[in-house]
Structures are given as structure tokens and as C-alpha cells.
Amino acid sequence: MDPESGMGERVRHIILQHGRLPTDIQALEDHADLYQAGMTSHASVNLMLALEAEFDIEFPDAMLKRSVFQSVASITDALERLQVSAA
């Protein structure tokens, strides 16, 4: 899914609220590494929980890895895959 879509903007908003980034999320590219931008492991757990609540999904154990939460693009892609598999 295109990170510039409505879902991508929703993801950015959730990152803004829960990612605890010292950098403005709107200034980052879709494929920018959120961990290099300052997101901690603890913040990524909070982000995951917020994404699950917002999109009414649950990340399976196989998706609980750093690469899934590494960028706006990777998060958006994971959400799209979860929504397709739930349909």
C-alpha cells in the first residue's frame, strides 16, 4: 500500500503520538529508519499496541520483529497484509 495514502497518514499520526521520536515524523521519508531517528524498543512496543488498537488487528508472533516497525512504509505494508489476510 502507498504510504502516502490515508493509512500512511494514520500510521504517521500514531508514530507521532507513541514513537517518542526526537525528530519530526513529517520530515522523515517513508523508508527512513525510525530506530535511527531515535525510536527505542520500548517505544516500538507502545507503537505496536497503538497500531493494533487503531486498526483493530493483532500482529502475529512472526511479525514481531524490528524490520516490521522500522519505517512508515514497512508498517503500512504489514498493516495491509494483515487486513488482506483478515478479509
N, C-alpha and C. Protein backbone atom coordinates (compact mmCIF):
# COMPACT_ATOMS: atom_id res chain seq x y z
N MET A 1 0.84 -1.18 0.00
CA MET A 1 0.00 0.00 0.00
C MET A 1 0.88 1.23 0.00
N ASP A 2 0.44 2.27 -0.65
CA ASP A 2 1.16 3.53 -0.74
C ASP A 2 1.17 4.22 0.62
N PRO A 3 2.37 4.48 1.20
CA PRO A 3 2.43 5.14 2.50
C PRO A 3 1.83 6.54 2.49
N GLU A 4 1.66 7.14 1.32
CA GLU A 4 1.06 8.46 1.24
C GLU A 4 -0.47 8.40 1.31
N SER A 5 -1.02 7.21 1.31
CA SER A 5 -2.47 7.05 1.38
C SER A 5 -2.96 7.44 2.76
N GLY A 6 -4.26 7.34 2.95
CA GLY A 6 -4.84 7.62 4.24
C GLY A 6 -4.25 6.76 5.34
N MET A 7 -3.96 5.50 5.03
CA MET A 7 -3.37 4.61 6.02
C MET A 7 -1.98 5.12 6.42
N GLY A 8 -1.21 5.54 5.45
CA GLY A 8 0.13 6.07 5.74
C GLY A 8 0.07 7.28 6.66
N GLU A 9 -0.90 8.14 6.43
CA GLU A 9 -1.05 9.31 7.30
C GLU A 9 -1.51 8.91 8.69
N ARG A 10 -2.37 7.92 8.79
CA ARG A 10 -2.79 7.42 10.10
C ARG A 10 -1.60 6.82 10.85
N VAL A 11 -0.76 6.08 10.12
CA VAL A 11 0.44 5.50 10.73
C VAL A 11 1.36 6.61 11.24
N ARG A 12 1.56 7.63 10.44
CA ARG A 12 2.41 8.77 10.86
C ARG A 12 1.85 9.42 12.12
N HIS A 13 0.55 9.58 12.19
CA HIS A 13 -0.08 10.19 13.37
C HIS A 13 0.16 9.33 14.61
N ILE A 14 0.04 8.02 14.47
CA ILE A 14 0.27 7.12 15.61
C ILE A 14 1.74 7.14 16.02
N ILE A 15 2.64 7.19 15.04
CA ILE A 15 4.07 7.30 15.36
C ILE A 15 4.33 8.60 16.11
N LEU A 16 3.71 9.67 15.68
CA LEU A 16 3.87 10.96 16.36
C LEU A 16 3.44 10.85 17.82
N GLN A 17 2.34 10.15 18.08
CA GLN A 17 1.82 10.02 19.44
C GLN A 17 2.60 9.03 20.30
N HIS A 18 3.08 7.94 19.71
CA HIS A 18 3.62 6.84 20.50
C HIS A 18 5.09 6.48 20.22
N GLY A 19 5.66 7.00 19.15
CA GLY A 19 7.03 6.63 18.78
C GLY A 19 8.12 7.33 19.56
N ARG A 20 7.75 8.41 20.24
CA ARG A 20 8.70 9.19 21.06
C ARG A 20 9.94 9.57 20.29
N LEU A 21 9.74 10.00 19.06
CA LEU A 21 10.88 10.40 18.23
C LEU A 21 11.32 11.81 18.56
N PRO A 22 12.63 12.05 18.63
CA PRO A 22 13.11 13.42 18.80
C PRO A 22 13.06 14.20 17.47
N THR A 23 12.73 13.51 16.40
CA THR A 23 12.66 14.07 15.05
C THR A 23 11.20 14.20 14.63
N ASP A 24 10.89 15.20 13.85
CA ASP A 24 9.53 15.38 13.33
C ASP A 24 9.23 14.26 12.33
N ILE A 25 8.22 13.45 12.61
CA ILE A 25 7.87 12.33 11.74
C ILE A 25 7.50 12.81 10.34
N GLN A 26 6.93 13.99 10.22
CA GLN A 26 6.54 14.50 8.91
C GLN A 26 7.76 14.85 8.05
N ALA A 27 8.90 15.06 8.69
CA ALA A 27 10.12 15.40 7.96
C ALA A 27 10.86 14.15 7.46
N LEU A 28 10.44 12.97 7.92
CA LEU A 28 11.12 11.73 7.53
C LEU A 28 10.50 11.13 6.27
N GLU A 29 11.35 10.54 5.45
CA GLU A 29 10.90 9.82 4.26
C GLU A 29 10.16 8.56 4.70
N ASP A 30 9.34 8.02 3.83
CA ASP A 30 8.56 6.82 4.14
C ASP A 30 9.44 5.63 4.49
N HIS A 31 10.63 5.55 3.90
CA HIS A 31 11.52 4.42 4.15
C HIS A 31 12.62 4.74 5.16
N ALA A 32 12.54 5.91 5.79
CA ALA A 32 13.55 6.28 6.79
C ALA A 32 13.45 5.34 7.99
N ASP A 33 14.61 4.98 8.53
CA ASP A 33 14.69 4.06 9.67
C ASP A 33 14.27 4.80 10.94
N LEU A 34 13.16 4.38 11.52
CA LEU A 34 12.64 5.02 12.72
C LEU A 34 13.55 4.81 13.92
N TYR A 35 14.25 3.69 13.95
CA TYR A 35 15.19 3.43 15.05
C TYR A 35 16.39 4.37 14.96
N GLN A 36 16.87 4.60 13.74
CA GLN A 36 17.98 5.55 13.57
C GLN A 36 17.51 6.98 13.89
N ALA A 37 16.22 7.22 13.71
CA ALA A 37 15.66 8.54 14.01
C ALA A 37 15.42 8.71 15.51
N GLY A 38 15.64 7.65 16.31
CA GLY A 38 15.55 7.78 17.75
C GLY A 38 14.50 6.95 18.46
N MET A 39 13.75 6.13 17.72
CA MET A 39 12.75 5.30 18.38
C MET A 39 13.43 4.17 19.16
N THR A 40 12.99 3.96 20.38
CA THR A 40 13.55 2.90 21.23
C THR A 40 12.71 1.63 21.10
N SER A 41 13.23 0.54 21.61
CA SER A 41 12.49 -0.72 21.62
C SER A 41 11.21 -0.58 22.44
N HIS A 42 11.30 0.11 23.56
CA HIS A 42 10.13 0.32 24.40
C HIS A 42 9.06 1.12 23.65
N ALA A 43 9.47 2.16 22.96
CA ALA A 43 8.52 2.96 22.19
C ALA A 43 7.91 2.14 21.06
N SER A 44 8.68 1.21 20.48
CA SER A 44 8.14 0.39 19.40
C SER A 44 7.04 -0.54 19.90
N VAL A 45 7.14 -1.00 21.15
CA VAL A 45 6.07 -1.82 21.74
C VAL A 45 4.82 -0.98 21.92
N ASN A 46 4.98 0.24 22.43
CA ASN A 46 3.83 1.14 22.57
C ASN A 46 3.21 1.45 21.21
N LEU A 47 4.06 1.63 20.22
CA LEU A 47 3.58 1.88 18.86
C LEU A 47 2.79 0.69 18.34
N MET A 48 3.30 -0.50 18.55
CA MET A 48 2.61 -1.71 18.09
C MET A 48 1.22 -1.80 18.74
N LEU A 49 1.14 -1.58 20.03
CA LEU A 49 -0.15 -1.65 20.73
C LEU A 49 -1.12 -0.60 20.21
N ALA A 50 -0.62 0.59 19.93
CA ALA A 50 -1.47 1.66 19.40
C ALA A 50 -1.95 1.32 17.99
N LEU A 51 -1.08 0.73 17.18
CA LEU A 51 -1.48 0.32 15.83
C LEU A 51 -2.54 -0.77 15.89
N GLU A 52 -2.38 -1.72 16.79
CA GLU A 52 -3.37 -2.78 16.93
C GLU A 52 -4.73 -2.20 17.32
N ALA A 53 -4.73 -1.24 18.23
CA ALA A 53 -5.99 -0.62 18.66
C ALA A 53 -6.61 0.21 17.54
N GLU A 54 -5.81 0.97 16.84
CA GLU A 54 -6.31 1.85 15.78
C GLU A 54 -6.89 1.07 14.60
N PHE A 55 -6.21 0.01 14.21
CA PHE A 55 -6.61 -0.74 13.02
C PHE A 55 -7.37 -2.03 13.34
N ASP A 56 -7.63 -2.28 14.61
CA ASP A 56 -8.37 -3.45 15.06
C ASP A 56 -7.78 -4.74 14.48
N ILE A 57 -6.48 -4.87 14.66
CA ILE A 57 -5.74 -6.06 14.19
C ILE A 57 -4.85 -6.54 15.34
N GLU A 58 -4.24 -7.71 15.13
CA GLU A 58 -3.25 -8.20 16.08
C GLU A 58 -2.05 -8.68 15.28
N PHE A 59 -0.89 -8.18 15.64
CA PHE A 59 0.33 -8.62 14.96
C PHE A 59 0.66 -10.03 15.43
N PRO A 60 0.77 -10.99 14.51
CA PRO A 60 1.15 -12.35 14.91
C PRO A 60 2.61 -12.38 15.35
N ASP A 61 2.96 -13.39 16.12
CA ASP A 61 4.34 -13.51 16.62
C ASP A 61 5.38 -13.41 15.52
N ALA A 62 5.08 -13.96 14.36
CA ALA A 62 6.04 -13.95 13.24
C ALA A 62 6.35 -12.53 12.76
N MET A 63 5.46 -11.57 13.07
CA MET A 63 5.68 -10.19 12.63
C MET A 63 6.27 -9.32 13.73
N LEU A 64 6.52 -9.88 14.89
CA LEU A 64 7.05 -9.09 15.99
C LEU A 64 8.57 -9.02 15.89
N LYS A 65 9.02 -8.26 14.91
CA LYS A 65 10.45 -8.08 14.70
C LYS A 65 10.72 -6.65 14.27
N ARG A 66 11.92 -6.24 14.49
CA ARG A 66 12.33 -4.86 14.25
C ARG A 66 12.01 -4.39 12.83
N SER A 67 12.23 -5.23 11.85
CA SER A 67 12.04 -4.82 10.46
C SER A 67 10.60 -4.41 10.13
N VAL A 68 9.63 -4.98 10.83
CA VAL A 68 8.22 -4.64 10.58
C VAL A 68 7.93 -3.21 11.02
N PHE A 69 8.59 -2.75 12.08
CA PHE A 69 8.32 -1.43 12.66
C PHE A 69 9.42 -0.42 12.34
N GLN A 70 10.21 -0.71 11.33
CA GLN A 70 11.39 0.09 11.01
C GLN A 70 11.09 1.40 10.29
N SER A 71 10.00 1.45 9.55
CA SER A 71 9.69 2.66 8.78
C SER A 71 8.19 2.78 8.58
N VAL A 72 7.77 3.96 8.15
CA VAL A 72 6.35 4.16 7.81
C VAL A 72 5.95 3.17 6.73
N ALA A 73 6.80 2.99 5.74
CA ALA A 73 6.50 2.08 4.63
C ALA A 73 6.37 0.63 5.10
N SER A 74 7.27 0.18 5.96
CA SER A 74 7.21 -1.22 6.42
C SER A 74 5.99 -1.46 7.31
N ILE A 75 5.64 -0.48 8.13
CA ILE A 75 4.45 -0.60 8.98
C ILE A 75 3.20 -0.64 8.12
N THR A 76 3.10 0.25 7.15
CA THR A 76 1.95 0.31 6.27
C THR A 76 1.80 -0.99 5.48
N ASP A 77 2.92 -1.52 5.00
CA ASP A 77 2.89 -2.79 4.28
C ASP A 77 2.40 -3.93 5.17
N ALA A 78 2.89 -3.98 6.40
CA ALA A 78 2.46 -5.02 7.34
C ALA A 78 0.97 -4.91 7.64
N LEU A 79 0.50 -3.69 7.84
CA LEU A 79 -0.93 -3.50 8.11
C LEU A 79 -1.79 -3.94 6.93
N GLU A 80 -1.33 -3.61 5.73
CA GLU A 80 -2.08 -4.03 4.54
C GLU A 80 -2.14 -5.55 4.45
N ARG A 81 -1.02 -6.23 4.71
CA ARG A 81 -1.01 -7.69 4.67
C ARG A 81 -1.95 -8.28 5.72
N LEU A 82 -1.97 -7.70 6.90
CA LEU A 82 -2.86 -8.20 7.96
C LEU A 82 -4.33 -7.98 7.60
N GLN A 83 -4.64 -6.86 7.00
CA GLN A 83 -6.03 -6.58 6.63
C GLN A 83 -6.48 -7.49 5.50
N VAL A 84 -5.60 -7.79 4.56
CA VAL A 84 -5.94 -8.69 3.45
C VAL A 84 -6.17 -10.10 3.98
N SER A 85 -5.31 -10.55 4.90
CA SER A 85 -5.46 -11.89 5.43
C SER A 85 -6.69 -12.03 6.32
N ALA A 86 -7.15 -10.93 6.88
CA ALA A 86 -8.35 -10.96 7.73
C ALA A 86 -9.63 -10.91 6.91
N ALA A 87 -9.51 -10.51 5.67
CA ALA A 87 -10.70 -10.34 4.82
C ALA A 87 -11.23 -11.68 4.32
